[in-house]
N, C-alpha and C. Protein backbone atom coordinates (compact mmCIF):
# COMPACT_ATOMS: atom_id res chain seq x y z
N TYR A 1 91.52 115.69 78.68
CA TYR A 1 90.84 114.69 79.18
C TYR A 1 91.28 113.70 78.12
N GLY A 2 90.79 112.42 78.55
CA GLY A 2 91.26 111.54 77.82
C GLY A 2 90.29 110.02 78.09
N PHE A 3 90.14 108.94 77.23
CA PHE A 3 89.89 107.57 77.36
C PHE A 3 90.46 106.75 76.85
N ARG A 4 90.96 105.69 77.38
CA ARG A 4 91.55 104.35 76.74
C ARG A 4 91.20 103.30 77.39
N PHE A 5 91.57 102.31 76.60
CA PHE A 5 91.40 101.20 76.92
C PHE A 5 92.49 99.93 77.13
N GLU A 6 92.62 99.56 78.27
CA GLU A 6 93.91 98.48 78.53
C GLU A 6 93.42 97.08 78.89
N HIS A 7 94.20 96.35 77.97
CA HIS A 7 94.04 94.62 77.87
C HIS A 7 95.37 94.09 78.30
N THR A 8 95.40 93.47 79.41
CA THR A 8 96.31 92.72 80.48
C THR A 8 96.18 91.38 80.45
N GLN A 9 97.33 90.68 80.35
CA GLN A 9 97.25 89.53 80.51
C GLN A 9 98.49 89.13 81.32
N LEU A 10 98.53 88.51 82.38
CA LEU A 10 99.43 88.02 83.31
C LEU A 10 99.90 86.83 83.44
N THR A 11 101.33 86.50 83.34
CA THR A 11 101.71 85.11 83.39
C THR A 11 102.64 84.78 84.64
N LEU A 12 102.55 83.80 85.10
CA LEU A 12 102.82 83.56 86.42
C LEU A 12 104.02 82.58 86.62
N PHE A 13 105.08 82.49 87.02
CA PHE A 13 106.06 81.32 87.39
C PHE A 13 106.11 81.18 88.76
N ASP A 14 106.99 80.14 89.10
CA ASP A 14 106.95 79.70 90.43
C ASP A 14 107.74 80.72 91.38
N ASN A 15 108.52 81.52 90.88
CA ASN A 15 109.08 82.52 91.60
C ASN A 15 108.51 83.91 91.25
N SER A 16 107.40 83.63 90.89
CA SER A 16 106.85 85.39 90.91
C SER A 16 106.44 85.86 91.93
N PRO A 17 106.27 87.06 92.50
CA PRO A 17 106.44 87.83 93.50
C PRO A 17 105.20 87.48 94.14
N PRO A 18 104.81 87.33 95.43
CA PRO A 18 103.34 87.17 95.81
C PRO A 18 102.27 87.90 95.36
N VAL A 19 102.65 89.08 94.92
CA VAL A 19 101.59 90.31 94.82
C VAL A 19 101.13 90.04 93.59
N TYR A 20 101.89 89.33 92.74
CA TYR A 20 101.37 88.82 91.31
C TYR A 20 100.34 87.90 91.38
N PHE A 21 100.49 86.91 92.47
CA PHE A 21 99.84 85.99 92.75
C PHE A 21 98.30 86.42 93.28
N GLN A 22 98.51 87.31 94.06
CA GLN A 22 97.66 87.97 94.50
C GLN A 22 96.33 88.47 93.64
N TYR A 23 97.17 89.38 92.74
CA TYR A 23 96.43 89.97 91.46
C TYR A 23 95.65 88.83 90.98
N VAL A 24 96.05 87.79 90.40
CA VAL A 24 95.57 86.82 89.61
C VAL A 24 94.17 86.13 90.72
N GLN A 25 94.53 86.14 92.00
CA GLN A 25 93.19 85.64 92.71
C GLN A 25 92.11 86.65 92.85
N ASP A 26 92.66 88.36 93.00
CA ASP A 26 91.48 89.23 92.92
C ASP A 26 91.16 89.57 91.46
N PHE A 27 91.86 89.47 90.47
CA PHE A 27 91.28 89.95 89.01
C PHE A 27 91.21 88.69 87.88
N GLY A 28 92.16 88.20 88.03
CA GLY A 28 92.23 86.36 86.95
C GLY A 28 93.79 86.98 86.21
N TYR A 29 93.71 85.97 85.36
CA TYR A 29 95.01 86.31 84.38
C TYR A 29 94.66 87.31 83.33
N VAL A 30 93.43 87.57 82.94
CA VAL A 30 93.17 88.39 81.81
C VAL A 30 92.14 89.68 82.27
N THR A 31 92.55 90.70 82.12
CA THR A 31 91.91 91.95 82.63
C THR A 31 91.66 93.04 81.37
N ASN A 32 90.57 93.64 81.38
CA ASN A 32 89.92 94.71 80.28
C ASN A 32 89.73 95.98 81.09
N SER A 33 90.40 96.88 80.97
CA SER A 33 89.99 98.18 81.96
C SER A 33 89.94 99.48 81.05
N TYR A 34 88.74 100.24 81.22
CA TYR A 34 88.51 101.30 80.70
C TYR A 34 88.51 102.69 81.56
N ILE A 35 89.47 103.40 81.18
CA ILE A 35 89.92 104.36 81.87
C ILE A 35 90.01 105.73 81.30
N LEU A 36 89.09 106.71 82.41
CA LEU A 36 89.18 107.95 82.14
C LEU A 36 90.35 108.92 82.86
N SER A 37 90.38 109.99 82.01
CA SER A 37 91.74 110.59 82.51
C SER A 37 91.61 112.15 82.47
N ALA A 38 92.05 112.99 83.31
CA ALA A 38 91.81 114.34 83.10
C ALA A 38 92.94 115.07 83.63
N GLY A 39 93.67 116.06 83.20
CA GLY A 39 94.83 116.42 83.46
C GLY A 39 94.50 118.11 83.41
N TRP A 40 95.52 118.49 84.28
CA TRP A 40 95.72 120.22 83.87
C TRP A 40 96.91 120.56 84.37
N SER A 41 97.45 121.94 83.70
CA SER A 41 98.82 122.34 84.13
C SER A 41 98.83 123.73 83.88
N ARG A 42 99.85 124.39 84.68
CA ARG A 42 99.89 126.09 84.25
C ARG A 42 101.24 126.21 84.78
N ASP A 43 101.81 126.89 83.29
CA ASP A 43 103.41 127.10 83.79
C ASP A 43 103.65 128.67 83.75
N THR A 44 104.19 129.32 84.78
CA THR A 44 104.65 130.82 84.48
C THR A 44 105.81 131.00 84.93
N ARG A 45 106.64 129.93 84.65
CA ARG A 45 108.43 130.18 84.68
C ARG A 45 108.66 130.91 83.47
N ASN A 46 109.77 131.70 83.53
CA ASN A 46 110.31 132.43 82.59
C ASN A 46 110.93 131.80 81.76
N ASP A 47 111.43 130.75 82.16
CA ASP A 47 112.16 129.80 80.82
C ASP A 47 112.19 128.48 81.18
N ILE A 48 111.87 127.47 80.37
CA ILE A 48 111.93 126.06 80.41
C ILE A 48 113.09 125.19 81.05
N LEU A 49 114.13 125.70 80.54
CA LEU A 49 115.27 124.95 80.95
C LEU A 49 115.82 125.43 82.39
N TYR A 50 116.26 126.56 82.42
CA TYR A 50 116.94 127.33 83.60
C TYR A 50 116.10 128.36 84.09
N PRO A 51 114.94 128.31 84.75
CA PRO A 51 113.88 129.39 85.38
C PRO A 51 114.65 130.03 86.32
N SER A 52 114.08 131.23 86.56
CA SER A 52 114.82 131.98 87.57
C SER A 52 113.53 132.55 88.62
N PHE A 53 112.23 132.49 88.03
CA PHE A 53 111.22 132.81 88.96
C PHE A 53 110.35 132.05 88.11
N GLY A 54 109.16 131.93 88.77
CA GLY A 54 107.67 131.24 88.30
C GLY A 54 107.36 129.76 88.89
N ARG A 55 106.41 129.51 88.91
CA ARG A 55 105.93 128.03 89.13
C ARG A 55 105.24 127.38 87.95
N LEU A 56 105.66 125.81 88.13
CA LEU A 56 104.80 124.92 87.24
C LEU A 56 104.04 124.08 88.06
N GLN A 57 102.75 123.85 88.01
CA GLN A 57 101.90 123.08 88.43
C GLN A 57 101.15 122.15 87.50
N SER A 58 100.80 120.88 87.73
CA SER A 58 100.23 119.86 87.44
C SER A 58 99.55 119.18 88.04
N ALA A 59 98.44 118.45 87.82
CA ALA A 59 97.55 117.71 88.14
C ALA A 59 96.71 116.36 87.25
N LEU A 60 96.92 115.45 88.00
CA LEU A 60 96.22 114.40 86.87
C LEU A 60 95.54 113.34 87.60
N VAL A 61 94.17 113.17 87.05
CA VAL A 61 93.37 112.40 87.97
C VAL A 61 93.27 111.07 86.48
N GLU A 62 93.15 109.89 87.18
CA GLU A 62 92.89 108.90 86.52
C GLU A 62 92.06 107.89 87.23
N VAL A 63 91.03 107.14 86.43
CA VAL A 63 90.08 106.39 87.19
C VAL A 63 89.63 104.99 86.18
N GLY A 64 89.70 104.03 86.65
CA GLY A 64 89.56 102.96 86.30
C GLY A 64 87.84 102.54 86.24
N MET A 65 86.95 102.69 84.93
CA MET A 65 85.74 102.48 85.30
C MET A 65 85.00 101.17 85.69
N PRO A 66 84.13 101.55 86.85
CA PRO A 66 83.69 100.26 87.81
C PRO A 66 83.09 98.91 86.76
N PHE A 67 82.73 99.20 85.86
CA PHE A 67 82.31 98.60 84.40
C PHE A 67 83.24 97.57 84.00
N GLY A 68 84.77 97.89 84.13
CA GLY A 68 85.63 97.29 83.85
C GLY A 68 86.28 96.24 84.97
N ASP A 69 87.23 95.57 84.65
CA ASP A 69 87.77 94.60 85.52
C ASP A 69 88.61 95.17 86.58
N LEU A 70 89.15 96.47 86.39
CA LEU A 70 90.18 96.83 87.27
C LEU A 70 89.44 98.20 87.52
N PRO A 71 88.46 98.42 88.73
CA PRO A 71 88.09 99.66 89.34
C PRO A 71 89.16 100.26 90.38
N TYR A 72 89.71 101.70 89.88
CA TYR A 72 90.30 101.97 90.56
C TYR A 72 90.54 103.68 90.42
N TYR A 73 91.01 104.52 91.52
CA TYR A 73 91.51 105.93 90.91
C TYR A 73 92.76 106.13 91.39
N LYS A 74 93.61 107.29 90.85
CA LYS A 74 94.83 107.80 91.14
C LYS A 74 94.77 109.30 90.89
N PHE A 75 95.27 110.00 91.98
CA PHE A 75 95.55 111.44 91.68
C PHE A 75 96.80 111.95 91.89
N GLN A 76 97.46 112.60 91.03
CA GLN A 76 99.08 113.21 91.24
C GLN A 76 99.24 114.70 91.21
N TYR A 77 99.49 115.33 91.97
CA TYR A 77 99.86 116.66 91.98
C TYR A 77 101.41 116.99 92.21
N VAL A 78 101.94 117.94 91.24
CA VAL A 78 103.28 118.19 91.27
C VAL A 78 103.28 119.97 91.33
N ASN A 79 104.29 120.45 92.18
CA ASN A 79 104.15 121.95 92.06
C ASN A 79 105.69 122.23 92.35
N GLN A 80 106.19 122.91 91.40
CA GLN A 80 107.56 123.43 91.32
C GLN A 80 107.67 125.11 91.27
N SER A 81 108.18 125.78 92.16
CA SER A 81 108.16 126.97 92.29
C SER A 81 109.76 127.56 92.59
N PHE A 82 110.18 128.82 91.91
CA PHE A 82 111.39 129.45 91.62
C PHE A 82 111.27 130.60 92.44
N TRP A 83 112.36 131.06 92.95
CA TRP A 83 112.51 132.41 93.08
C TRP A 83 114.30 132.79 93.30
N PRO A 84 114.17 133.92 92.70
CA PRO A 84 115.53 134.54 92.56
C PRO A 84 116.08 135.14 94.33
N VAL A 85 117.39 134.39 94.63
CA VAL A 85 118.11 134.97 95.91
C VAL A 85 118.71 136.26 95.82
N TYR A 86 119.67 135.85 95.33
CA TYR A 86 120.72 136.61 94.99
C TYR A 86 121.54 136.40 93.79
N ASP A 87 121.82 137.97 93.14
CA ASP A 87 122.73 137.45 91.69
C ASP A 87 122.12 136.36 91.11
N GLU A 88 122.97 135.20 90.66
CA GLU A 88 122.57 134.32 89.91
C GLU A 88 122.21 133.35 90.84
N PHE A 89 121.78 133.27 92.06
CA PHE A 89 121.34 131.99 92.98
C PHE A 89 119.75 132.18 92.70
N VAL A 90 119.12 130.93 92.67
CA VAL A 90 118.00 130.43 92.57
C VAL A 90 117.23 129.58 92.91
N LEU A 91 116.11 129.85 93.93
CA LEU A 91 115.80 128.56 94.94
C LEU A 91 114.43 127.82 94.32
N MET A 92 114.58 126.37 94.40
CA MET A 92 113.62 125.85 93.91
C MET A 92 113.01 125.00 94.88
N LEU A 93 111.60 124.85 94.96
CA LEU A 93 110.86 124.06 96.08
C LEU A 93 109.92 123.34 95.30
N ARG A 94 109.89 121.94 95.45
CA ARG A 94 109.07 121.10 94.82
C ARG A 94 108.31 120.31 95.65
N ALA A 95 107.11 119.84 95.41
CA ALA A 95 106.04 119.08 95.77
C ALA A 95 105.77 118.07 94.94
N ASP A 96 105.99 116.91 95.18
CA ASP A 96 105.04 115.68 94.38
C ASP A 96 104.43 114.65 95.22
N LEU A 97 103.09 114.69 95.07
CA LEU A 97 102.11 113.99 96.06
C LEU A 97 101.18 112.94 94.89
N GLY A 98 101.05 111.77 95.50
CA GLY A 98 100.36 110.83 94.93
C GLY A 98 99.46 110.10 95.51
N TYR A 99 98.04 110.03 95.29
CA TYR A 99 97.11 109.03 95.99
C TYR A 99 96.48 108.35 95.25
N GLY A 100 96.06 106.78 95.69
CA GLY A 100 95.30 105.99 94.98
C GLY A 100 94.44 104.70 95.81
N ASP A 101 93.65 104.60 95.13
CA ASP A 101 93.33 103.14 95.63
C ASP A 101 92.20 102.22 94.81
N GLY A 102 91.67 101.06 95.28
CA GLY A 102 91.02 100.35 94.37
C GLY A 102 89.49 101.06 94.52
N LEU A 103 88.25 100.86 94.12
CA LEU A 103 86.99 101.26 93.47
C LEU A 103 86.26 99.58 93.97
N SER A 104 84.97 99.87 94.17
CA SER A 104 83.87 98.55 94.37
C SER A 104 84.62 97.40 95.24
N ASP A 105 85.16 97.86 96.19
CA ASP A 105 85.73 96.83 97.07
C ASP A 105 86.74 95.90 96.58
N LYS A 106 87.39 96.41 95.52
CA LYS A 106 88.63 95.95 94.84
C LYS A 106 89.69 96.31 95.34
N PRO A 107 91.09 95.60 95.22
CA PRO A 107 92.16 96.26 95.62
C PRO A 107 92.91 97.39 94.72
N PHE A 108 93.67 98.01 94.97
CA PHE A 108 94.55 99.04 93.90
C PHE A 108 95.53 98.06 93.01
N PRO A 109 95.45 97.85 91.99
CA PRO A 109 96.65 96.70 91.28
C PRO A 109 97.95 97.45 91.17
N PHE A 110 98.54 96.21 91.54
CA PHE A 110 100.05 96.51 91.78
C PHE A 110 100.89 97.25 90.66
N PHE A 111 100.63 97.32 89.46
CA PHE A 111 101.18 98.00 88.41
C PHE A 111 100.94 99.61 88.27
N LYS A 112 99.55 99.81 88.89
CA LYS A 112 99.52 101.24 88.93
C LYS A 112 100.00 101.91 90.17
N ALA A 113 100.54 101.08 90.99
CA ALA A 113 101.36 101.73 92.38
C ALA A 113 102.26 103.07 91.78
N PHE A 114 102.48 103.70 92.77
CA PHE A 114 103.34 104.76 92.90
C PHE A 114 104.94 104.33 93.50
N TYR A 115 105.87 104.89 93.11
CA TYR A 115 107.22 104.69 93.58
C TYR A 115 107.92 105.67 93.80
N ALA A 116 108.90 105.96 94.34
CA ALA A 116 109.82 107.07 94.51
C ALA A 116 111.44 106.55 94.66
N GLY A 117 112.51 107.57 94.43
CA GLY A 117 113.99 107.12 94.46
C GLY A 117 114.16 107.70 93.24
N GLY A 118 115.52 108.20 93.14
CA GLY A 118 116.22 108.43 91.81
C GLY A 118 115.89 109.63 91.60
N VAL A 119 116.47 110.12 90.28
CA VAL A 119 116.50 111.23 89.50
C VAL A 119 115.06 112.02 89.58
N GLY A 120 114.62 113.04 89.87
CA GLY A 120 113.36 113.43 89.51
C GLY A 120 112.70 113.39 91.36
N SER A 121 113.00 112.71 91.83
CA SER A 121 112.78 112.00 93.33
C SER A 121 113.47 112.38 94.25
N VAL A 122 113.93 111.00 94.85
CA VAL A 122 114.69 111.19 96.27
C VAL A 122 116.41 110.66 95.52
N ARG A 123 117.25 111.52 95.33
CA ARG A 123 118.41 111.33 94.67
C ARG A 123 119.34 110.74 95.66
N GLY A 124 120.33 109.95 95.38
CA GLY A 124 121.01 108.74 96.11
C GLY A 124 120.54 107.74 96.44
N TYR A 125 119.08 107.13 95.94
CA TYR A 125 118.68 106.04 96.05
C TYR A 125 118.48 105.30 94.76
N GLU A 126 118.27 104.19 94.57
CA GLU A 126 118.11 103.76 93.45
C GLU A 126 116.50 103.74 92.85
N THR A 127 116.44 104.09 91.26
CA THR A 127 115.29 104.60 90.89
C THR A 127 114.31 103.56 91.22
N GLY A 128 113.30 103.96 91.69
CA GLY A 128 111.86 103.30 91.96
C GLY A 128 112.22 102.27 93.25
N SER A 129 113.25 102.79 94.01
CA SER A 129 113.62 101.25 95.37
C SER A 129 113.02 101.88 96.69
N ARG A 130 112.28 103.05 96.88
CA ARG A 130 111.84 103.58 98.32
C ARG A 130 110.46 102.75 98.23
N GLY A 131 110.26 102.39 99.40
CA GLY A 131 108.55 101.65 99.98
C GLY A 131 108.98 100.42 100.55
N PRO A 132 108.09 99.73 100.74
CA PRO A 132 107.78 98.49 100.78
C PRO A 132 108.34 97.56 99.90
N ARG A 133 108.93 96.23 100.43
CA ARG A 133 109.46 95.35 99.41
C ARG A 133 108.81 94.03 99.86
N GLY A 134 108.87 93.13 98.70
CA GLY A 134 108.28 91.95 98.81
C GLY A 134 109.26 90.80 99.38
N ILE A 135 108.89 89.62 99.43
CA ILE A 135 109.87 88.77 99.96
C ILE A 135 111.02 88.32 99.15
N TYR A 136 111.03 88.47 98.12
CA TYR A 136 112.35 88.45 97.13
C TYR A 136 112.98 89.82 96.92
N GLY A 137 112.79 90.99 97.58
CA GLY A 137 113.35 92.11 97.85
C GLY A 137 113.17 93.11 97.00
N ASN A 138 112.11 92.80 96.18
CA ASN A 138 111.63 93.67 94.88
C ASN A 138 110.80 95.01 95.53
N THR A 139 110.88 96.03 95.16
CA THR A 139 110.04 97.15 95.56
C THR A 139 108.48 97.12 95.28
N LEU A 140 107.50 97.02 96.01
CA LEU A 140 106.18 96.72 95.83
C LEU A 140 105.44 98.08 95.25
N GLY A 141 106.13 99.15 95.48
CA GLY A 141 105.17 100.52 95.49
C GLY A 141 104.30 100.76 96.39
N GLY A 142 103.13 101.67 96.17
CA GLY A 142 102.30 101.93 97.16
C GLY A 142 101.33 102.57 96.80
N LYS A 143 100.24 103.04 97.81
CA LYS A 143 98.93 103.75 97.38
C LYS A 143 99.37 105.21 97.24
N ARG A 144 100.25 105.41 98.03
CA ARG A 144 100.52 106.98 98.90
C ARG A 144 101.91 107.34 98.36
N ARG A 145 102.29 108.66 97.79
CA ARG A 145 103.47 108.73 97.86
C ARG A 145 103.68 110.34 98.20
N ILE A 146 104.76 110.69 99.15
CA ILE A 146 104.97 112.41 99.15
C ILE A 146 106.80 112.11 99.15
N VAL A 147 107.04 113.39 98.41
CA VAL A 147 108.33 113.44 97.64
C VAL A 147 108.16 115.15 97.47
N GLY A 148 109.20 115.39 98.28
CA GLY A 148 109.68 116.80 98.41
C GLY A 148 111.21 117.05 98.17
N SER A 149 111.74 118.28 97.50
CA SER A 149 112.99 118.71 97.55
C SER A 149 113.37 120.43 97.38
N ALA A 150 114.17 120.59 98.18
CA ALA A 150 114.38 121.97 98.04
C ALA A 150 116.17 122.15 97.26
N GLU A 151 116.10 123.13 96.57
CA GLU A 151 117.65 123.19 95.65
C GLU A 151 117.86 124.64 95.24
N LEU A 152 119.48 124.72 95.47
CA LEU A 152 119.89 126.24 95.38
C LEU A 152 120.52 126.23 94.34
N PHE A 153 120.10 126.84 92.83
CA PHE A 153 120.87 126.83 91.75
C PHE A 153 122.02 128.23 91.63
N TYR A 154 122.81 127.75 90.96
CA TYR A 154 123.89 128.82 90.42
C TYR A 154 124.11 128.70 88.99
N ARG A 155 124.02 129.67 88.13
CA ARG A 155 124.36 129.61 86.87
C ARG A 155 125.90 129.75 86.68
N ILE A 156 126.70 129.06 86.41
CA ILE A 156 128.04 129.65 86.15
C ILE A 156 128.46 129.69 84.62
N LEU A 157 127.63 129.13 83.48
CA LEU A 157 127.78 129.75 82.31
C LEU A 157 126.51 130.08 81.79
N LYS A 158 126.70 131.27 81.28
CA LYS A 158 125.28 131.70 80.24
C LYS A 158 125.32 131.22 78.81
N GLY A 159 124.35 131.59 78.01
CA GLY A 159 124.19 131.49 76.75
C GLY A 159 123.67 130.30 76.44
N GLU A 160 124.05 129.65 74.96
CA GLU A 160 123.13 128.67 74.71
C GLU A 160 123.41 127.46 75.21
N ARG A 161 125.05 127.30 75.69
CA ARG A 161 125.44 125.92 76.42
C ARG A 161 125.36 126.15 77.55
N SER A 162 124.57 126.83 78.46
CA SER A 162 124.66 127.20 79.85
C SER A 162 125.14 125.86 80.68
N VAL A 163 125.44 126.33 81.85
CA VAL A 163 125.87 125.31 82.79
C VAL A 163 125.40 125.87 84.34
N ARG A 164 124.41 124.99 85.01
CA ARG A 164 124.25 125.26 86.28
C ARG A 164 124.51 124.25 87.27
N ILE A 165 125.04 124.61 88.37
CA ILE A 165 125.49 123.68 89.59
C ILE A 165 124.44 123.96 90.56
N SER A 166 124.33 123.07 91.52
CA SER A 166 123.04 123.18 92.61
C SER A 166 123.44 122.24 93.98
N GLY A 167 123.11 122.70 95.15
CA GLY A 167 123.20 121.89 95.92
C GLY A 167 121.53 121.88 96.55
N PHE A 168 121.34 120.65 96.81
CA PHE A 168 120.22 120.11 97.04
C PHE A 168 119.68 119.09 98.48
N PHE A 169 118.41 119.15 98.87
CA PHE A 169 118.07 117.90 99.95
C PHE A 169 116.67 117.59 99.47
N ASP A 170 116.62 116.19 99.69
CA ASP A 170 115.52 115.51 99.04
C ASP A 170 114.65 114.65 100.21
N LEU A 171 113.65 114.33 100.16
CA LEU A 171 112.81 113.54 101.02
C LEU A 171 111.56 113.00 100.46
N GLY A 172 111.36 111.95 100.88
CA GLY A 172 110.27 111.01 100.41
C GLY A 172 110.00 109.76 100.81
N GLN A 173 109.04 108.98 100.66
CA GLN A 173 108.41 108.07 100.80
C GLN A 173 106.83 107.56 100.32
N VAL A 174 106.92 105.96 100.20
CA VAL A 174 105.67 105.71 99.55
C VAL A 174 104.97 104.69 100.53
N TYR A 175 103.89 104.55 100.48
CA TYR A 175 103.03 103.79 101.70
C TYR A 175 102.09 103.01 100.96
N VAL A 176 101.93 101.90 101.50
CA VAL A 176 100.99 100.41 100.88
C VAL A 176 99.59 100.89 101.30
N ASN A 177 99.47 101.14 102.53
CA ASN A 177 98.03 100.97 103.40
C ASN A 177 97.95 102.31 104.36
N GLY A 178 96.59 103.03 104.36
CA GLY A 178 96.81 104.00 105.04
C GLY A 178 97.50 105.06 104.76
N TYR A 179 97.13 106.43 105.57
CA TYR A 179 97.84 107.70 105.21
C TYR A 179 98.44 107.91 106.55
N GLN A 180 99.67 107.33 107.15
CA GLN A 180 100.17 107.85 108.15
C GLN A 180 101.62 108.02 108.13
N PRO A 181 101.88 109.08 107.47
CA PRO A 181 103.20 109.67 107.46
C PRO A 181 103.71 109.83 108.88
N GLN A 182 105.08 109.41 108.98
CA GLN A 182 105.80 109.41 110.04
C GLN A 182 107.54 109.84 109.57
N PHE A 183 107.61 110.68 110.09
CA PHE A 183 109.00 111.22 110.02
C PHE A 183 110.17 110.20 110.07
N GLU A 184 110.36 109.18 111.02
CA GLU A 184 111.44 108.10 111.01
C GLU A 184 111.22 107.11 109.66
N ASN A 185 110.01 107.17 108.81
CA ASN A 185 109.72 106.37 107.95
C ASN A 185 110.32 106.90 106.57
N PHE A 186 110.68 108.19 106.45
CA PHE A 186 110.97 109.02 105.32
C PHE A 186 112.54 108.90 105.21
N ARG A 187 112.76 108.90 103.93
CA ARG A 187 114.26 108.79 103.28
C ARG A 187 114.61 110.09 102.90
N TYR A 188 116.29 110.60 103.21
CA TYR A 188 116.49 111.95 103.11
C TYR A 188 117.84 111.67 102.37
N SER A 189 117.79 112.80 101.44
CA SER A 189 119.34 112.93 100.82
C SER A 189 119.65 114.14 100.77
N ALA A 190 121.29 114.56 100.65
CA ALA A 190 121.78 115.81 100.32
C ALA A 190 122.74 115.54 99.47
N GLY A 191 122.84 116.86 98.60
CA GLY A 191 124.17 116.37 97.57
C GLY A 191 124.35 117.70 96.53
N VAL A 192 124.73 117.29 95.42
CA VAL A 192 125.13 118.35 94.42
C VAL A 192 124.74 117.99 93.34
N GLY A 193 124.62 118.85 92.30
CA GLY A 193 124.16 118.46 91.39
C GLY A 193 124.54 119.45 90.02
N VAL A 194 124.60 119.28 88.71
CA VAL A 194 125.51 120.02 87.44
C VAL A 194 124.24 119.59 86.34
N ALA A 195 124.06 120.73 85.83
CA ALA A 195 122.77 120.79 84.58
C ALA A 195 123.73 121.40 83.45
N TRP A 196 123.80 120.69 82.52
CA TRP A 196 124.38 121.44 81.27
C TRP A 196 123.48 121.02 79.85
N ASN A 197 123.41 122.25 79.58
CA ASN A 197 122.25 122.42 77.97
C ASN A 197 123.58 121.98 77.09
N SER A 198 123.76 120.74 76.62
CA SER A 198 124.67 120.36 75.70
C SER A 198 124.21 119.99 74.54
N PRO A 199 125.33 119.76 73.52
CA PRO A 199 125.19 119.82 72.35
C PRO A 199 123.62 118.77 71.63
N ILE A 200 124.16 117.50 72.73
CA ILE A 200 123.19 116.57 72.56
C ILE A 200 121.72 116.69 73.30
N GLY A 201 121.43 117.65 73.96
CA GLY A 201 120.23 117.84 74.78
C GLY A 201 120.87 118.14 76.13
N PRO A 202 119.99 118.62 77.08
CA PRO A 202 119.91 118.82 78.46
C PRO A 202 120.42 117.47 79.04
N LEU A 203 121.50 117.83 79.79
CA LEU A 203 122.20 116.76 80.82
C LEU A 203 121.99 117.13 82.16
N LYS A 204 121.74 116.12 83.27
CA LYS A 204 121.88 116.44 84.71
C LYS A 204 122.51 115.20 85.23
N PHE A 205 123.55 115.62 86.26
CA PHE A 205 124.28 114.69 86.85
C PHE A 205 124.05 115.09 88.48
N SER A 206 124.11 114.06 89.26
CA SER A 206 124.05 114.41 90.78
C SER A 206 124.95 113.36 91.36
N TYR A 207 125.33 114.00 92.49
CA TYR A 207 125.88 113.43 93.76
C TYR A 207 125.20 113.37 94.97
N ALA A 208 124.27 112.70 95.40
CA ALA A 208 124.03 112.65 96.83
C ALA A 208 124.07 111.71 97.83
N THR A 209 124.37 111.81 99.06
CA THR A 209 124.56 111.15 100.21
C THR A 209 123.10 110.81 100.76
N PRO A 210 122.93 109.78 100.94
CA PRO A 210 121.58 109.19 101.69
C PRO A 210 121.63 109.77 103.11
N ILE A 211 120.29 110.27 103.89
CA ILE A 211 120.57 110.48 105.21
C ILE A 211 119.45 109.47 105.91
N SER A 212 120.14 108.90 107.01
CA SER A 212 119.15 108.10 108.08
C SER A 212 118.87 106.94 107.32
N SER A 213 119.56 106.40 106.34
CA SER A 213 119.31 104.81 105.36
C SER A 213 119.51 103.84 106.42
N ILE A 214 118.70 102.49 105.86
CA ILE A 214 119.43 101.31 106.57
C ILE A 214 119.97 100.44 105.56
N PRO A 215 120.35 99.55 106.24
CA PRO A 215 121.24 98.35 105.33
C PRO A 215 120.24 98.13 104.28
N GLU A 216 119.05 97.88 104.35
CA GLU A 216 117.97 97.29 103.25
C GLU A 216 118.07 98.23 102.16
N ASP A 217 118.32 99.60 102.43
CA ASP A 217 117.92 100.80 101.34
C ASP A 217 119.00 100.39 100.02
N LYS A 218 118.61 100.23 98.79
CA LYS A 218 119.49 100.60 97.80
C LYS A 218 119.92 101.63 97.32
N ILE A 219 121.28 101.76 97.43
CA ILE A 219 122.14 103.49 97.67
C ILE A 219 122.46 103.58 96.07
N GLN A 220 122.55 104.69 95.68
CA GLN A 220 123.05 104.95 93.96
C GLN A 220 123.54 106.14 94.17
N LYS A 221 124.80 106.79 94.59
CA LYS A 221 125.12 108.11 95.05
C LYS A 221 125.18 108.79 93.62
N PHE A 222 125.89 108.24 92.69
CA PHE A 222 126.02 108.99 91.54
C PHE A 222 124.91 108.89 90.54
N GLN A 223 124.18 109.68 89.91
CA GLN A 223 123.50 109.29 88.94
C GLN A 223 123.21 110.48 88.16
């Protein structure tokens, strides 16, 4: 459980995104927020870096109190499940869901929005690039996030400096208004990855090919 105070001051320029101007119109240039949060997690994996079975779940709720300037709520849930398939092959399924909105008839603050794309999300797309965009091409984020992944791991080197390769399939999307996910709006990718417990710490590399992308998508195959 937690409680925190946030003081935000926004400065506008002529070329600031319209969502910034809308924020100032709704809340003003200076805001004070009083935020309650509660989190829960449960980890039954047999190894932190290279699990072969078990599940990691986490949930977080965050509420901007109505007596502050930014009343809102956010909920996030992540589930990673691992199963041994055959020999050193391990299957991982991951779901990452987010849901938020404003309270007291106020809009959802833009800097509390959800994003998708990149490592840990939909690989093959630039980090945080998935979802609706403004007139300058910047990603706006959204109130809803749906991200999923299936990955098959194989450990080729064991021991302290173990190395694991994988093949994966990712999908995800972010929505601004409403909750009406349509499969044609999702972005998909497939690729291969390498995870190495190096002397300087765990490293991950991936090469992904976007599926059903459009010209406006920001692509980054190697990450």
